[in-house]
Amino acid sequence: MQALYRDTAMASTPRPYLNHVPSPPPIVSVVHNDTSVRESLESLIRCASWQSETFAFAREFLARPRPVVPNCLVLDVSLRDLNGLDLQRRVVVERPDTPVIFVTSHGDVPTSVQAMKAGALEFLVNPFCDEVLVSAIREGLKRSSIALNREAAMRSLRDRWASLSHRERQVMALVVSGLLNKEVGAELAISEITVKAHRGQVMRKMKAESFADLVRMAARLRSELALLAPGSRSPSSSERTCGVVSIAVGQRAPQSPISGTACALSPARSVLIGT
């Protein structure tokens, strides 16, 4: 009985190598001219159990690698080497998962309006309560976490798409556009059984739980490509979803950034998959 109790106790005792490895703490970057302000903000940030990185110059911050954990930027308007609003514009483009919070002693209404229109989370003018800043940072880290998770999910989706063969991409593009298996077979000049086999492979490789799930994945892939080419024409409702775009006879379809290739389906037209 004692041996049984001893064995049970040992089994229930956490083992060091089984413990969950804690994730790195969120990073709060501070770019401010005033040394005393940087030190004060760093102390406040560390008291909230976040990692703090402080910079006197904007270019020092930009030289740091983009964080891979939830993060945000606490920023002054007046900097020594770069205007705070200019730095904000660069962060919006280069680090979209980094919310910006302005903390300044030289704020005015036009500047605050400009900052907020550019996407600033908060524009705080001294003096302000520490809890107001802590609350803003907490919200910024929450938004950053959501953005990073969304980016990771999209990266996983792109990897799954890249694992498809060229034929599987063709089948996926046509089935999500609403064609039946026999219609897809006629379009690609293959048998309906072959279409079903490719369709099954597509569902497995894309890890789609249902056909509706596959359609949503195709829409997300197409939306991302639309963002990569904002000046491109939006396909009409008569054009295939998942970027199967009709091309005139004899015109060579350009390569897709995702599929990396174009395909000719019938003498009447060629289609581009993945745009």
Protein backbone atom coordinates (compact mmCIF):
# COMPACT_ATOMS: atom_id res chain seq x y z
CA MET A 1 0.00 0.00 0.00
CA GLN A 2 2.84 2.36 0.89
CA ALA A 3 4.60 1.51 -2.38
CA LEU A 4 1.39 2.27 -4.30
CA TYR A 5 1.05 5.62 -2.51
CA ARG A 6 4.69 6.41 -3.23
CA ASP A 7 4.31 5.58 -6.93
CA THR A 8 1.13 7.67 -7.19
CA ALA A 9 2.76 10.64 -5.47
CA MET A 10 5.76 10.45 -7.78
CA ALA A 11 3.52 10.27 -10.84
CA SER A 12 1.60 13.36 -9.74
CA THR A 13 4.74 15.36 -8.96
CA PRO A 14 5.57 17.80 -11.79
CA ARG A 15 8.82 16.97 -13.53
CA PRO A 16 11.07 19.81 -14.64
CA TYR A 17 11.41 18.56 -18.19
CA LEU A 18 7.63 18.31 -18.56
CA ASN A 19 6.98 21.88 -17.44
CA HIS A 20 5.63 24.28 -20.03
CA VAL A 21 8.33 26.65 -21.28
CA PRO A 22 7.10 30.20 -20.57
CA SER A 23 6.79 32.46 -23.58
CA PRO A 24 8.97 35.58 -23.75
CA PRO A 25 7.38 38.65 -22.14
CA PRO A 26 5.84 41.33 -24.38
CA ILE A 27 8.17 44.14 -25.41
CA VAL A 28 7.39 47.81 -24.89
CA SER A 29 9.78 50.10 -26.77
CA VAL A 30 10.25 53.70 -25.71
CA VAL A 31 11.67 56.38 -28.00
CA HIS A 32 12.02 59.66 -26.15
CA ASN A 33 14.45 62.59 -26.03
CA ASP A 34 14.46 63.03 -22.27
CA THR A 35 16.68 60.61 -20.33
CA SER A 36 14.67 61.02 -17.11
CA VAL A 37 11.43 60.29 -18.94
CA ARG A 38 12.93 57.17 -20.53
CA GLU A 39 14.08 55.91 -17.13
CA SER A 40 10.71 56.67 -15.54
CA LEU A 41 8.81 54.89 -18.32
CA GLU A 42 11.19 51.93 -18.17
CA SER A 43 10.54 51.54 -14.44
CA LEU A 44 6.79 51.73 -14.98
CA ILE A 45 6.91 49.15 -17.76
CA ARG A 46 9.02 46.70 -15.77
CA CYS A 47 6.66 47.05 -12.78
CA ALA A 48 3.92 45.77 -15.09
CA SER A 49 6.07 42.67 -15.87
CA TRP A 50 6.78 43.70 -19.46
CA GLN A 51 10.17 43.88 -21.12
CA SER A 52 11.35 47.43 -21.78
CA GLU A 53 13.64 48.72 -24.51
CA THR A 54 14.51 52.42 -24.51
CA PHE A 55 16.00 54.55 -27.28
CA ALA A 56 17.10 58.17 -27.50
CA PHE A 57 17.05 58.13 -31.31
CA ALA A 58 14.44 56.90 -33.79
CA ARG A 59 17.07 55.28 -35.97
CA GLU A 60 18.28 53.18 -33.04
CA PHE A 61 14.77 51.78 -32.70
CA LEU A 62 14.45 51.14 -36.45
CA ALA A 63 17.79 49.30 -36.41
CA ARG A 64 16.42 46.77 -33.92
CA PRO A 65 14.98 43.56 -35.43
CA ARG A 66 11.22 43.40 -35.61
CA PRO A 67 9.92 41.63 -32.45
CA VAL A 68 8.21 38.26 -32.80
CA VAL A 69 6.27 38.71 -29.55
CA PRO A 70 3.43 41.13 -28.71
CA ASN A 71 4.88 44.63 -28.65
CA CYS A 72 4.06 48.31 -28.81
CA LEU A 73 5.88 51.63 -29.13
CA VAL A 74 5.71 54.55 -26.69
CA LEU A 75 6.84 57.55 -28.67
CA ASP A 76 7.59 61.26 -28.24
CA VAL A 77 6.59 63.76 -30.92
CA SER A 78 9.88 65.67 -30.89
CA LEU A 79 12.92 63.47 -31.48
CA ARG A 80 16.52 64.36 -32.17
CA ASP A 81 16.91 62.67 -35.52
CA LEU A 82 13.40 62.09 -36.87
CA ASN A 83 9.99 63.62 -36.34
CA GLY A 84 7.77 61.37 -34.22
CA LEU A 85 4.98 61.47 -36.80
CA ASP A 86 7.44 60.41 -39.51
CA LEU A 87 8.58 57.51 -37.35
CA GLN A 88 4.95 56.53 -36.79
CA ARG A 89 4.37 56.41 -40.56
CA ARG A 90 7.35 54.10 -40.98
CA VAL A 91 6.19 51.82 -38.16
CA VAL A 92 2.71 51.55 -39.68
CA VAL A 93 4.23 50.30 -42.95
CA GLU A 94 7.21 48.27 -41.70
CA ARG A 95 5.82 46.95 -38.40
CA PRO A 96 2.03 46.75 -38.70
CA ASP A 97 1.81 44.62 -35.55
CA THR A 98 3.33 47.44 -33.42
CA PRO A 99 0.69 49.86 -32.06
CA VAL A 100 1.94 53.38 -31.34
CA ILE A 101 1.25 55.42 -28.19
CA PHE A 102 2.39 59.05 -28.08
CA VAL A 103 3.63 60.50 -24.79
CA THR A 104 4.75 64.11 -25.00
CA SER A 105 5.04 67.45 -23.25
CA HIS A 106 4.74 69.37 -26.51
CA GLY A 107 1.39 68.25 -27.83
CA ASP A 108 -1.12 70.40 -29.69
CA VAL A 109 -4.49 69.69 -31.26
CA PRO A 110 -3.34 69.53 -34.93
CA THR A 111 -0.49 67.16 -34.06
CA SER A 112 -2.71 64.91 -31.95
CA VAL A 113 -5.34 64.78 -34.70
CA GLN A 114 -2.69 63.89 -37.27
CA ALA A 115 -1.30 61.15 -35.03
CA MET A 116 -4.71 59.63 -34.32
CA LYS A 117 -5.69 59.70 -38.00
CA ALA A 118 -2.47 57.83 -38.77
CA GLY A 119 -3.54 55.09 -36.35
CA ALA A 120 -2.06 56.05 -32.98
CA LEU A 121 -3.65 54.17 -30.11
CA GLU A 122 -3.35 57.09 -27.68
CA PHE A 123 -1.94 60.62 -27.59
CA LEU A 124 -1.08 61.51 -23.98
CA VAL A 125 0.15 64.93 -22.93
CA ASN A 126 2.02 65.41 -19.64
CA PRO A 127 0.92 65.32 -16.90
CA PHE A 128 -1.15 62.13 -17.01
CA CYS A 129 -1.92 59.25 -14.66
CA ASP A 130 0.40 56.22 -14.88
CA GLU A 131 -2.61 53.91 -14.99
CA VAL A 132 -3.84 55.63 -18.17
CA LEU A 133 -0.56 54.79 -19.90
CA VAL A 134 -0.47 51.25 -18.50
CA SER A 135 -4.02 50.67 -19.74
CA ALA A 136 -3.10 51.98 -23.20
CA ILE A 137 -0.01 49.73 -23.34
CA ARG A 138 -2.10 46.74 -22.27
CA GLU A 139 -4.56 47.42 -25.10
CA GLY A 140 -1.69 47.88 -27.55
CA LEU A 141 -0.13 44.55 -26.60
CA LYS A 142 -3.51 42.87 -26.99
CA ARG A 143 -3.87 44.26 -30.52
CA SER A 144 -0.31 43.28 -31.34
CA SER A 145 -0.96 39.71 -30.19
CA ILE A 146 -4.03 39.49 -32.41
CA ALA A 147 -2.07 40.83 -35.40
CA LEU A 148 0.81 38.39 -34.84
CA ASN A 149 -1.58 35.44 -34.53
CA ARG A 150 -3.34 36.50 -37.72
CA GLU A 151 -0.02 36.77 -39.53
CA ALA A 152 1.06 33.33 -38.28
CA ALA A 153 -2.24 31.82 -39.45
CA MET A 154 -1.81 33.43 -42.87
CA ARG A 155 1.77 32.17 -43.11
CA SER A 156 0.55 28.65 -42.32
CA LEU A 157 -2.15 28.98 -44.98
CA ARG A 158 0.41 30.08 -47.58
CA ASP A 159 2.63 27.12 -46.69
CA ARG A 160 -0.26 24.73 -47.14
CA TRP A 161 -1.11 26.32 -50.50
CA ALA A 162 2.51 25.98 -51.57
CA SER A 163 2.37 22.24 -50.79
CA LEU A 164 -0.30 21.70 -53.46
CA SER A 165 0.70 20.43 -56.85
CA HIS A 166 -0.13 22.53 -59.91
CA ARG A 167 -3.06 20.27 -60.79
CA GLU A 168 -4.38 20.41 -57.23
CA ARG A 169 -4.31 24.22 -57.40
CA GLN A 170 -6.28 24.10 -60.62
CA VAL A 171 -8.87 21.80 -59.08
CA MET A 172 -9.13 23.90 -55.94
CA ALA A 173 -9.63 27.11 -57.92
CA LEU A 174 -12.40 25.57 -59.99
CA VAL A 175 -14.29 23.77 -57.21
CA VAL A 176 -14.40 26.84 -54.95
CA SER A 177 -15.83 28.78 -57.90
CA GLY A 178 -18.87 26.51 -57.73
CA LEU A 179 -18.22 23.96 -60.48
CA LEU A 180 -19.33 20.37 -59.99
CA ASN A 181 -16.75 17.59 -60.17
CA LYS A 182 -17.84 16.57 -63.67
CA GLU A 183 -17.63 20.20 -64.82
CA VAL A 184 -14.14 20.51 -63.39
CA GLY A 185 -13.21 17.30 -65.19
CA ALA A 186 -14.49 18.67 -68.47
CA GLU A 187 -12.62 21.94 -67.92
CA LEU A 188 -9.33 20.15 -67.20
CA ALA A 189 -9.89 17.24 -69.59
CA ILE A 190 -9.61 14.65 -66.81
CA SER A 191 -12.07 12.09 -65.44
CA GLU A 192 -14.50 12.82 -62.62
CA ILE A 193 -12.80 10.15 -60.49
CA THR A 194 -9.47 11.92 -60.93
CA VAL A 195 -11.09 15.21 -59.92
CA LYS A 196 -12.43 13.59 -56.74
CA ALA A 197 -8.98 12.23 -55.93
CA HIS A 198 -7.36 15.65 -56.39
CA ARG A 199 -10.14 17.28 -54.40
CA GLY A 200 -9.53 14.90 -51.52
CA GLN A 201 -5.83 15.69 -51.62
CA VAL A 202 -6.60 19.41 -51.59
CA MET A 203 -8.85 19.04 -48.54
CA ARG A 204 -6.18 17.04 -46.73
CA LYS A 205 -3.21 19.26 -47.57
CA MET A 206 -5.12 22.49 -46.86
CA LYS A 207 -6.44 20.93 -43.62
CA ALA A 208 -9.94 22.09 -44.48
CA GLU A 209 -12.62 20.75 -42.14
CA SER A 210 -15.34 21.27 -44.74
CA PHE A 211 -15.87 22.60 -48.24
CA ALA A 212 -17.06 25.90 -46.78
CA ASP A 213 -13.79 26.07 -44.87
CA LEU A 214 -11.88 25.58 -48.13
CA VAL A 215 -13.82 28.43 -49.76
CA ARG A 216 -12.91 30.71 -46.85
CA MET A 217 -9.24 29.77 -47.24
CA ALA A 218 -9.37 30.59 -50.94
CA ALA A 219 -10.94 33.97 -50.18
CA ARG A 220 -8.21 34.77 -47.65
CA LEU A 221 -5.48 33.88 -50.14
CA ARG A 222 -7.06 36.07 -52.78
CA SER A 223 -7.53 38.96 -50.34
CA GLU A 224 -3.87 38.86 -49.40
CA LEU A 225 -2.81 39.04 -53.04
CA ALA A 226 -5.16 41.98 -53.56
CA LEU A 227 -3.37 43.77 -50.72
CA LEU A 228 0.00 42.99 -52.27
CA ALA A 229 -1.13 44.62 -55.51
CA PRO A 230 -3.41 47.50 -54.44
CA GLY A 231 -3.36 49.06 -57.89
CA SER A 232 -4.61 45.97 -59.65
CA ARG A 233 -8.13 45.72 -61.02
CA SER A 234 -10.69 43.96 -58.86
CA PRO A 235 -12.14 40.93 -60.67
CA SER A 236 -15.80 41.17 -61.63
CA SER A 237 -18.43 38.94 -60.11
CA SER A 238 -18.43 36.79 -63.23
CA GLU A 239 -14.79 35.89 -62.75
CA ARG A 240 -13.79 32.82 -60.79
CA THR A 241 -13.15 33.09 -57.08
CA CYS A 242 -9.74 32.19 -55.63
CA GLY A 243 -8.22 34.26 -58.41
CA VAL A 244 -9.17 32.24 -61.47
CA VAL A 245 -9.20 35.21 -63.83
CA SER A 246 -10.22 34.92 -67.47
CA ILE A 247 -7.51 35.87 -69.92
CA ALA A 248 -8.06 36.70 -73.58
CA VAL A 249 -7.27 34.09 -76.21
CA GLY A 250 -3.59 34.05 -77.08
CA GLN A 251 -2.59 36.19 -74.08
CA ARG A 252 -0.12 34.51 -71.77
CA ALA A 253 -1.22 34.51 -68.13
CA PRO A 254 1.33 36.12 -65.79
CA GLN A 255 2.80 34.10 -62.97
CA SER A 256 1.03 34.11 -59.61
CA PRO A 257 2.93 35.23 -56.49
CA ILE A 258 1.48 32.21 -54.70
CA SER A 259 1.32 29.47 -57.31
CA GLY A 260 4.35 30.72 -59.19
CA THR A 261 2.90 29.52 -62.47
CA ALA A 262 0.06 29.99 -64.92
CA CYS A 263 -1.91 27.33 -66.74
CA ALA A 264 -3.79 26.98 -69.99
CA LEU A 265 -7.03 25.06 -69.55
CA SER A 266 -8.77 25.14 -72.90
CA PRO A 267 -8.25 26.63 -76.38
CA ALA A 268 -10.89 29.24 -75.58
CA ARG A 269 -9.07 30.77 -72.64
CA SER A 270 -6.22 30.48 -70.19
CA VAL A 271 -6.57 31.16 -66.49
CA LEU A 272 -4.37 32.47 -63.75
CA ILE A 273 -4.63 30.68 -60.45
CA GLY A 274 -3.82 32.44 -57.22
CA THR A 275 -4.37 36.11 -58.09
